[in-house]
PDB file of N, CA and C in Angstrom:
ATOM      1  N   MET A   1    -102.531  -8.905 102.088  1.00  0.00           N
ATOM      2  CA  MET A   1    -101.934  -8.026 101.282  1.00  0.00           C
ATOM      3  C   MET A   1    -102.614  -7.462 100.080  1.00  0.00           C
ATOM      4  N   GLU A   2    -102.660  -6.109  99.794  1.00  0.00           N
ATOM      5  CA  GLU A   2    -103.266  -5.691  98.764  1.00  0.00           C
ATOM      6  C   GLU A   2    -102.405  -5.708  97.448  1.00  0.00           C
ATOM      7  N   THR A   3    -102.749  -6.154  96.257  1.00  0.00           N
ATOM      8  CA  THR A   3    -102.012  -6.031  95.043  1.00  0.00           C
ATOM      9  C   THR A   3    -102.078  -4.740  94.481  1.00  0.00           C
ATOM     10  N   THR A   4    -100.895  -4.437  93.838  1.00  0.00           N
ATOM     11  CA  THR A   4    -100.868  -3.157  93.075  1.00  0.00           C
ATOM     12  C   THR A   4    -101.109  -3.473  91.696  1.00  0.00           C
ATOM     13  N   MET A   5    -101.976  -2.677  91.033  1.00  0.00           N
ATOM     14  CA  MET A   5    -102.291  -2.865  89.627  1.00  0.00           C
ATOM     15  C   MET A   5    -101.500  -1.803  88.784  1.00  0.00           C
ATOM     16  N   PHE A   6    -100.600  -2.157  87.977  1.00  0.00           N
ATOM     17  CA  PHE A   6     -99.733  -1.285  86.995  1.00  0.00           C
ATOM     18  C   PHE A   6    -100.534  -0.897  85.891  1.00  0.00           C
ATOM     19  N   ASN A   7    -100.455   0.365  85.415  1.00  0.00           N
ATOM     20  CA  ASN A   7    -101.024   0.525  84.014  1.00  0.00           C
ATOM     21  C   ASN A   7    -100.128   0.275  83.078  1.00  0.00           C
ATOM     22  N   PRO A   8    -100.425   0.244  81.755  1.00  0.00           N
ATOM     23  CA  PRO A   8     -99.383  -0.246  80.634  1.00  0.00           C
ATOM     24  C   PRO A   8     -98.139   0.547  80.648  1.00  0.00           C
ATOM     25  N   VAL A   9     -98.169   1.849  81.007  1.00  0.00           N
ATOM     26  CA  VAL A   9     -96.983   2.824  80.937  1.00  0.00           C
ATOM     27  C   VAL A   9     -95.976   2.183  81.838  1.00  0.00           C
ATOM     28  N   GLN A  10     -96.570   1.790  83.186  1.00  0.00           N
ATOM     29  CA  GLN A  10     -95.717   1.444  84.327  1.00  0.00           C
ATOM     30  C   GLN A  10     -95.122   0.102  84.002  1.00  0.00           C
ATOM     31  N   GLN A  11     -95.949  -0.874  83.428  1.00  0.00           N
ATOM     32  CA  GLN A  11     -95.574  -2.146  83.044  1.00  0.00           C
ATOM     33  C   GLN A  11     -94.257  -2.271  82.119  1.00  0.00           C
ATOM     34  N   HIS A  12     -94.423  -1.215  81.018  1.00  0.00           N
ATOM     35  CA  HIS A  12     -93.454  -1.162  80.146  1.00  0.00           C
ATOM     36  C   HIS A  12     -92.094  -0.643  80.744  1.00  0.00           C
ATOM     37  N   LEU A  13     -92.240   0.403  81.471  1.00  0.00           N
ATOM     38  CA  LEU A  13     -90.990   0.844  82.037  1.00  0.00           C
ATOM     39  C   LEU A  13     -90.453  -0.274  83.054  1.00  0.00           C
ATOM     40  N   LEU A  14     -91.250  -1.046  83.737  1.00  0.00           N
ATOM     41  CA  LEU A  14     -90.638  -2.028  84.687  1.00  0.00           C
ATOM     42  C   LEU A  14     -89.901  -3.074  83.669  1.00  0.00           C
ATOM     43  N   LYS A  15     -90.519  -3.401  82.538  1.00  0.00           N
ATOM     44  CA  LYS A  15     -89.751  -4.379  81.763  1.00  0.00           C
ATOM     45  C   LYS A  15     -88.557  -3.769  81.179  1.00  0.00           C
ATOM     46  N   MET A  16     -88.517  -2.488  80.858  1.00  0.00           N
ATOM     47  CA  MET A  16     -87.259  -1.700  80.332  1.00  0.00           C
ATOM     48  C   MET A  16     -86.170  -1.841  81.532  1.00  0.00           C
ATOM     49  N   PHE A  17     -86.586  -1.510  82.747  1.00  0.00           N
ATOM     50  CA  PHE A  17     -85.458  -1.562  83.723  1.00  0.00           C
ATOM     51  C   PHE A  17     -85.169  -2.969  84.292  1.00  0.00           C
ATOM     52  N   ALA A  18     -85.907  -4.050  83.831  1.00  0.00           N
ATOM     53  CA  ALA A  18     -85.419  -5.407  84.211  1.00  0.00           C
ATOM     54  C   ALA A  18     -83.995  -5.623  83.655  1.00  0.00           C
ATOM     55  N   PHE A  19     -83.705  -5.018  82.433  1.00  0.00           N
ATOM     56  CA  PHE A  19     -82.542  -5.380  81.785  1.00  0.00           C
ATOM     57  C   PHE A  19     -81.456  -4.413  82.224  1.00  0.00           C
ATOM     58  N   ASP A  20     -81.663  -3.121  82.524  1.00  0.00           N
ATOM     59  CA  ASP A  20     -80.549  -2.256  82.908  1.00  0.00           C
ATOM     60  C   ASP A  20     -81.267  -1.256  83.855  1.00  0.00           C
ATOM     61  N   GLY A  21     -81.033  -1.398  85.154  1.00  0.00           N
ATOM     62  CA  GLY A  21     -81.584  -0.546  86.054  1.00  0.00           C
ATOM     63  C   GLY A  21     -80.642   0.231  86.622  1.00  0.00           C
ATOM     64  N   SER A  22     -79.716   0.736  85.871  1.00  0.00           N
ATOM     65  CA  SER A  22     -78.526   1.630  86.515  1.00  0.00           C
ATOM     66  C   SER A  22     -78.996   3.001  86.531  1.00  0.00           C
ATOM     67  N   GLU A  23     -78.315   3.711  87.395  1.00  0.00           N
ATOM     68  CA  GLU A  23     -78.532   5.116  87.735  1.00  0.00           C
ATOM     69  C   GLU A  23     -78.337   5.899  86.392  1.00  0.00           C
ATOM     70  N   GLU A  24     -77.564   5.636  85.640  1.00  0.00           N
ATOM     71  CA  GLU A  24     -77.269   6.246  84.430  1.00  0.00           C
ATOM     72  C   GLU A  24     -78.568   6.207  83.510  1.00  0.00           C
ATOM     73  N   ARG A  25     -79.130   4.988  83.433  1.00  0.00           N
ATOM     74  CA  ARG A  25     -80.282   4.685  82.636  1.00  0.00           C
ATOM     75  C   ARG A  25     -81.419   5.374  83.321  1.00  0.00           C
ATOM     76  N   LEU A  26     -81.574   5.562  84.528  1.00  0.00           N
ATOM     77  CA  LEU A  26     -82.493   6.267  85.193  1.00  0.00           C
ATOM     78  C   LEU A  26     -82.496   7.744  84.843  1.00  0.00           C
ATOM     79  N   SER A  27     -81.258   8.213  84.856  1.00  0.00           N
ATOM     80  CA  SER A  27     -81.162   9.730  84.630  1.00  0.00           C
ATOM     81  C   SER A  27     -81.506  10.087  83.020  1.00  0.00           C
ATOM     82  N   GLU A  28     -81.226   9.104  82.146  1.00  0.00           N
ATOM     83  CA  GLU A  28     -81.533   9.324  80.908  1.00  0.00           C
ATOM     84  C   GLU A  28     -82.999   9.131  80.610  1.00  0.00           C
ATOM     85  N   VAL A  29     -83.783   8.195  81.259  1.00  0.00           N
ATOM     86  CA  VAL A  29     -85.204   8.175  80.987  1.00  0.00           C
ATOM     87  C   VAL A  29     -85.796   9.373  81.618  1.00  0.00           C
ATOM     88  N   LYS A  30     -85.292   9.904  82.892  1.00  0.00           N
ATOM     89  CA  LYS A  30     -85.831  11.113  83.490  1.00  0.00           C
ATOM     90  C   LYS A  30     -85.866  12.375  82.470  1.00  0.00           C
ATOM     91  N   THR A  31     -84.620  12.386  81.650  1.00  0.00           N
ATOM     92  CA  THR A  31     -84.501  13.535  80.965  1.00  0.00           C
ATOM     93  C   THR A  31     -85.345  13.342  79.689  1.00  0.00           C
ATOM     94  N   VAL A  32     -85.544  12.105  79.021  1.00  0.00           N
ATOM     95  CA  VAL A  32     -86.373  12.116  77.905  1.00  0.00           C
ATOM     96  C   VAL A  32     -87.805  12.249  78.379  1.00  0.00           C
ATOM     97  N   LEU A  33     -88.234  11.828  79.478  1.00  0.00           N
ATOM     98  CA  LEU A  33     -89.658  12.127  79.891  1.00  0.00           C
ATOM     99  C   LEU A  33     -89.896  13.625  80.091  1.00  0.00           C
ATOM    100  N   SER A  34     -88.946  14.262  80.753  1.00  0.00           N
ATOM    101  CA  SER A  34     -88.953  15.566  81.151  1.00  0.00           C
ATOM    102  C   SER A  34     -89.146  16.384  79.859  1.00  0.00           C
ATOM    103  N   ASP A  35     -88.270  16.139  78.896  1.00  0.00           N
ATOM    104  CA  ASP A  35     -88.268  16.805  77.557  1.00  0.00           C
ATOM    105  C   ASP A  35     -89.625  16.604  76.745  1.00  0.00           C
ATOM    106  N   TYR A  36     -90.126  15.468  77.024  1.00  0.00           N
ATOM    107  CA  TYR A  36     -91.370  15.116  76.155  1.00  0.00           C
ATOM    108  C   TYR A  36     -92.514  16.020  76.668  1.00  0.00           C
ATOM    109  N   PHE A  37     -92.695  15.970  78.077  1.00  0.00           N
ATOM    110  CA  PHE A  37     -93.725  16.569  78.725  1.00  0.00           C
ATOM    111  C   PHE A  37     -93.557  18.155  78.627  1.00  0.00           C
ATOM    112  N   ARG A  38     -92.409  18.667  78.731  1.00  0.00           N
ATOM    113  CA  ARG A  38     -92.034  20.103  78.574  1.00  0.00           C
ATOM    114  C   ARG A  38     -92.638  20.608  77.124  1.00  0.00           C
ATOM    115  N   LYS A  39     -92.221  19.644  76.154  1.00  0.00           N
ATOM    116  CA  LYS A  39     -92.626  20.007  74.684  1.00  0.00           C
ATOM    117  C   LYS A  39     -94.180  19.973  74.568  1.00  0.00           C
ATOM    118  N   LYS A  40     -94.853  18.988  75.172  1.00  0.00           N
ATOM    119  CA  LYS A  40     -96.341  18.874  75.192  1.00  0.00           C
ATOM    120  C   LYS A  40     -96.869  19.975  75.826  1.00  0.00           C
ATOM    121  N   ALA A  41     -96.309  20.358  76.906  1.00  0.00           N
ATOM    122  CA  ALA A  41     -96.959  21.485  77.751  1.00  0.00           C
ATOM    123  C   ALA A  41     -96.674  22.915  76.811  1.00  0.00           C
ATOM    124  N   ASP A  42     -95.565  23.226  76.317  1.00  0.00           N
ATOM    125  CA  ASP A  42     -95.359  24.299  75.358  1.00  0.00           C
ATOM    126  C   ASP A  42     -96.289  24.326  74.316  1.00  0.00           C
ATOM    127  N   THR A  43     -96.496  23.171  73.676  1.00  0.00           N
ATOM    128  CA  THR A  43     -97.515  23.165  72.455  1.00  0.00           C
ATOM    129  C   THR A  43     -98.945  23.554  72.923  1.00  0.00           C
ATOM    130  N   CYS A  44     -99.364  22.996  74.001  1.00  0.00           N
ATOM    131  CA  CYS A  44    -100.467  23.361  74.716  1.00  0.00           C
ATOM    132  C   CYS A  44    -100.712  24.903  74.883  1.00  0.00           C
ATOM    133  N   LEU A  45     -99.657  25.387  75.518  1.00  0.00           N
ATOM    134  CA  LEU A  45     -99.643  26.775  76.028  1.00  0.00           C
ATOM    135  C   LEU A  45     -99.498  27.727  74.829  1.00  0.00           C
ATOM    136  N   GLU A  46     -98.877  27.349  73.666  1.00  0.00           N
ATOM    137  CA  GLU A  46     -98.934  28.049  72.446  1.00  0.00           C
ATOM    138  C   GLU A  46    -100.363  28.181  71.893  1.00  0.00           C
ATOM    139  N   ALA A  47    -100.997  27.129  71.834  1.00  0.00           N
ATOM    140  CA  ALA A  47    -102.280  27.099  71.378  1.00  0.00           C
ATOM    141  C   ALA A  47    -103.129  27.842  72.097  1.00  0.00           C
ATOM    142  N   LEU A  48    -103.153  27.744  73.394  1.00  0.00           N
ATOM    143  CA  LEU A  48    -103.967  28.747  74.291  1.00  0.00           C
ATOM    144  C   LEU A  48    -103.653  30.203  73.859  1.00  0.00           C
ATOM    145  N   TRP A  49    -102.305  30.552  73.814  1.00  0.00           N
ATOM    146  CA  TRP A  49    -101.836  31.898  73.584  1.00  0.00           C
ATOM    147  C   TRP A  49    -102.404  32.419  72.174  1.00  0.00           C
ATOM    148  N   ASP A  50    -102.239  31.455  71.106  1.00  0.00           N
ATOM    149  CA  ASP A  50    -102.716  31.820  69.752  1.00  0.00           C
ATOM    150  C   ASP A  50    -104.145  31.963  69.619  1.00  0.00           C
ATOM    151  N   SER A  51    -104.952  31.238  70.563  1.00  0.00           N
ATOM    152  CA  SER A  51    -106.224  31.267  70.539  1.00  0.00           C
ATOM    153  C   SER A  51    -106.912  32.536  71.369  1.00  0.00           C
ATOM    154  N   GLY A  52    -106.048  33.199  72.000  1.00  0.00           N
ATOM    155  CA  GLY A  52    -106.483  34.269  72.978  1.00  0.00           C
ATOM    156  C   GLY A  52    -106.942  33.891  74.382  1.00  0.00           C
ATOM    157  N   LYS A  53    -107.066  32.628  74.598  1.00  0.00           N
ATOM    158  CA  LYS A  53    -107.513  32.158  75.863  1.00  0.00           C
ATOM    159  C   LYS A  53    -106.505  32.513  77.024  1.00  0.00           C
ATOM    160  N   LEU A  54    -105.306  32.402  76.486  1.00  0.00           N
ATOM    161  CA  LEU A  54    -104.059  33.017  77.573  1.00  0.00           C
ATOM    162  C   LEU A  54    -103.484  34.198  76.921  1.00  0.00           C
ATOM    163  N   ASN A  55    -103.182  35.103  77.836  1.00  0.00           N
ATOM    164  CA  ASN A  55    -102.538  36.281  77.455  1.00  0.00           C
ATOM    165  C   ASN A  55    -101.741  36.981  78.614  1.00  0.00           C
ATOM    166  N   GLN A  56    -101.005  38.121  78.465  1.00  0.00           N
ATOM    167  CA  GLN A  56    -100.290  38.619  79.477  1.00  0.00           C
ATOM    168  C   GLN A  56    -101.120  39.091  80.673  1.00  0.00           C
ATOM    169  N   ALA A  57    -102.314  39.646  80.476  1.00  0.00           N
ATOM    170  CA  ALA A  57    -103.120  39.955  81.548  1.00  0.00           C
ATOM    171  C   ALA A  57    -103.620  38.739  82.354  1.00  0.00           C
ATOM    172  N   LYS A  58    -104.015  37.670  81.707  1.00  0.00           N
ATOM    173  CA  LYS A  58    -104.200  36.470  82.425  1.00  0.00           C
ATOM    174  C   LYS A  58    -103.160  35.895  83.213  1.00  0.00           C
ATOM    175  N   LEU A  59    -101.944  35.988  82.628  1.00  0.00           N
ATOM    176  CA  LEU A  59    -100.718  35.536  83.460  1.00  0.00           C
ATOM    177  C   LEU A  59    -100.568  36.461  84.630  1.00  0.00           C
ATOM    178  N   ASP A  60    -100.674  37.821  84.515  1.00  0.00           N
ATOM    179  CA  ASP A  60    -100.343  38.577  85.547  1.00  0.00           C
ATOM    180  C   ASP A  60    -101.408  38.217  86.709  1.00  0.00           C
ATOM    181  N   GLU A  61    -102.707  38.004  86.431  1.00  0.00           N
ATOM    182  CA  GLU A  61    -103.738  37.672  87.343  1.00  0.00           C
ATOM    183  C   GLU A  61    -103.331  36.427  87.995  1.00  0.00           C
ATOM    184  N   LEU A  62    -102.917  35.398  87.193  1.00  0.00           N
ATOM    185  CA  LEU A  62    -102.442  34.237  87.978  1.00  0.00           C
ATOM    186  C   LEU A  62    -101.165  34.311  88.879  1.00  0.00           C
ATOM    187  N   ARG A  63    -100.383  35.245  88.474  1.00  0.00           N
ATOM    188  CA  ARG A  63     -99.093  35.404  89.344  1.00  0.00           C
ATOM    189  C   ARG A  63     -99.577  35.750  90.891  1.00  0.00           C
ATOM    190  N   HIS A  64    -100.661  36.388  91.122  1.00  0.00           N
ATOM    191  CA  HIS A  64    -101.131  36.707  92.530  1.00  0.00           C
ATOM    192  C   HIS A  64    -102.074  35.677  93.097  1.00  0.00           C
ATOM    193  N   GLN A  65    -102.142  34.516  92.554  1.00  0.00           N
ATOM    194  CA  GLN A  65    -102.995  33.504  93.030  1.00  0.00           C
ATOM    195  C   GLN A  65    -102.234  32.158  93.626  1.00  0.00           C
ATOM    196  N   ASP A  66    -102.660  31.587  94.746  1.00  0.00           N
ATOM    197  CA  ASP A  66    -101.902  30.509  95.356  1.00  0.00           C
ATOM    198  C   ASP A  66    -102.488  29.365  94.639  1.00  0.00           C
ATOM    199  N   LEU A  67    -101.888  28.824  93.448  1.00  0.00           N
ATOM    200  CA  LEU A  67    -102.391  27.834  92.454  1.00  0.00           C
ATOM    201  C   LEU A  67    -102.293  26.436  93.395  1.00  0.00           C
ATOM    202  N   HIS A  68    -101.430  26.243  94.307  1.00  0.00           N
ATOM    203  CA  HIS A  68    -101.228  25.056  95.081  1.00  0.00           C
ATOM    204  C   HIS A  68    -102.630  24.836  95.921  1.00  0.00           C
ATOM    205  N   ALA A  69    -103.105  26.075  96.470  1.00  0.00           N
ATOM    206  CA  ALA A  69    -104.263  25.964  97.308  1.00  0.00           C
ATOM    207  C   ALA A  69    -105.514  25.487  96.348  1.00  0.00           C
ATOM    208  N   MET A  70    -105.541  26.177  95.203  1.00  0.00           N
ATOM    209  CA  MET A  70    -106.607  25.868  94.262  1.00  0.00           C
ATOM    210  C   MET A  70    -106.801  24.341  93.810  1.00  0.00           C
ATOM    211  N   LEU A  71    -105.546  23.808  93.596  1.00  0.00           N
ATOM    212  CA  LEU A  71    -105.406  22.414  93.402  1.00  0.00           C
ATOM    213  C   LEU A  71    -106.077  21.528  94.461  1.00  0.00           C
ATOM    214  N   LYS A  72    -105.923  21.866  95.679  1.00  0.00           N
ATOM    215  CA  LYS A  72    -106.153  21.216  96.837  1.00  0.00           C
ATOM    216  C   LYS A  72    -107.732  20.957  97.082  1.00  0.00           C
ATOM    217  N   LYS A  73    -108.396  21.910  96.416  1.00  0.00           N
ATOM    218  CA  LYS A  73    -110.001  21.940  96.449  1.00  0.00           C
ATOM    219  C   LYS A  73    -110.659  20.871  95.911  1.00  0.00           C
TER     220      LYS A  73
END
């Protein structure tokens, strides 16, 4: 049987849920993580917009591309 190696984040989450693994706690953690990564993405996108690397023309161009297919390459 192959062993699974957990990274430090996974280890920390496992330790947290060892004490309270309720559905309510899971929902709270999902909300916190979603908010954190949404804010992080917003900050990065704002920086791209402010630098001129991202603009409305680029967004319009991306709208017509299959981004999922691009990620599979």
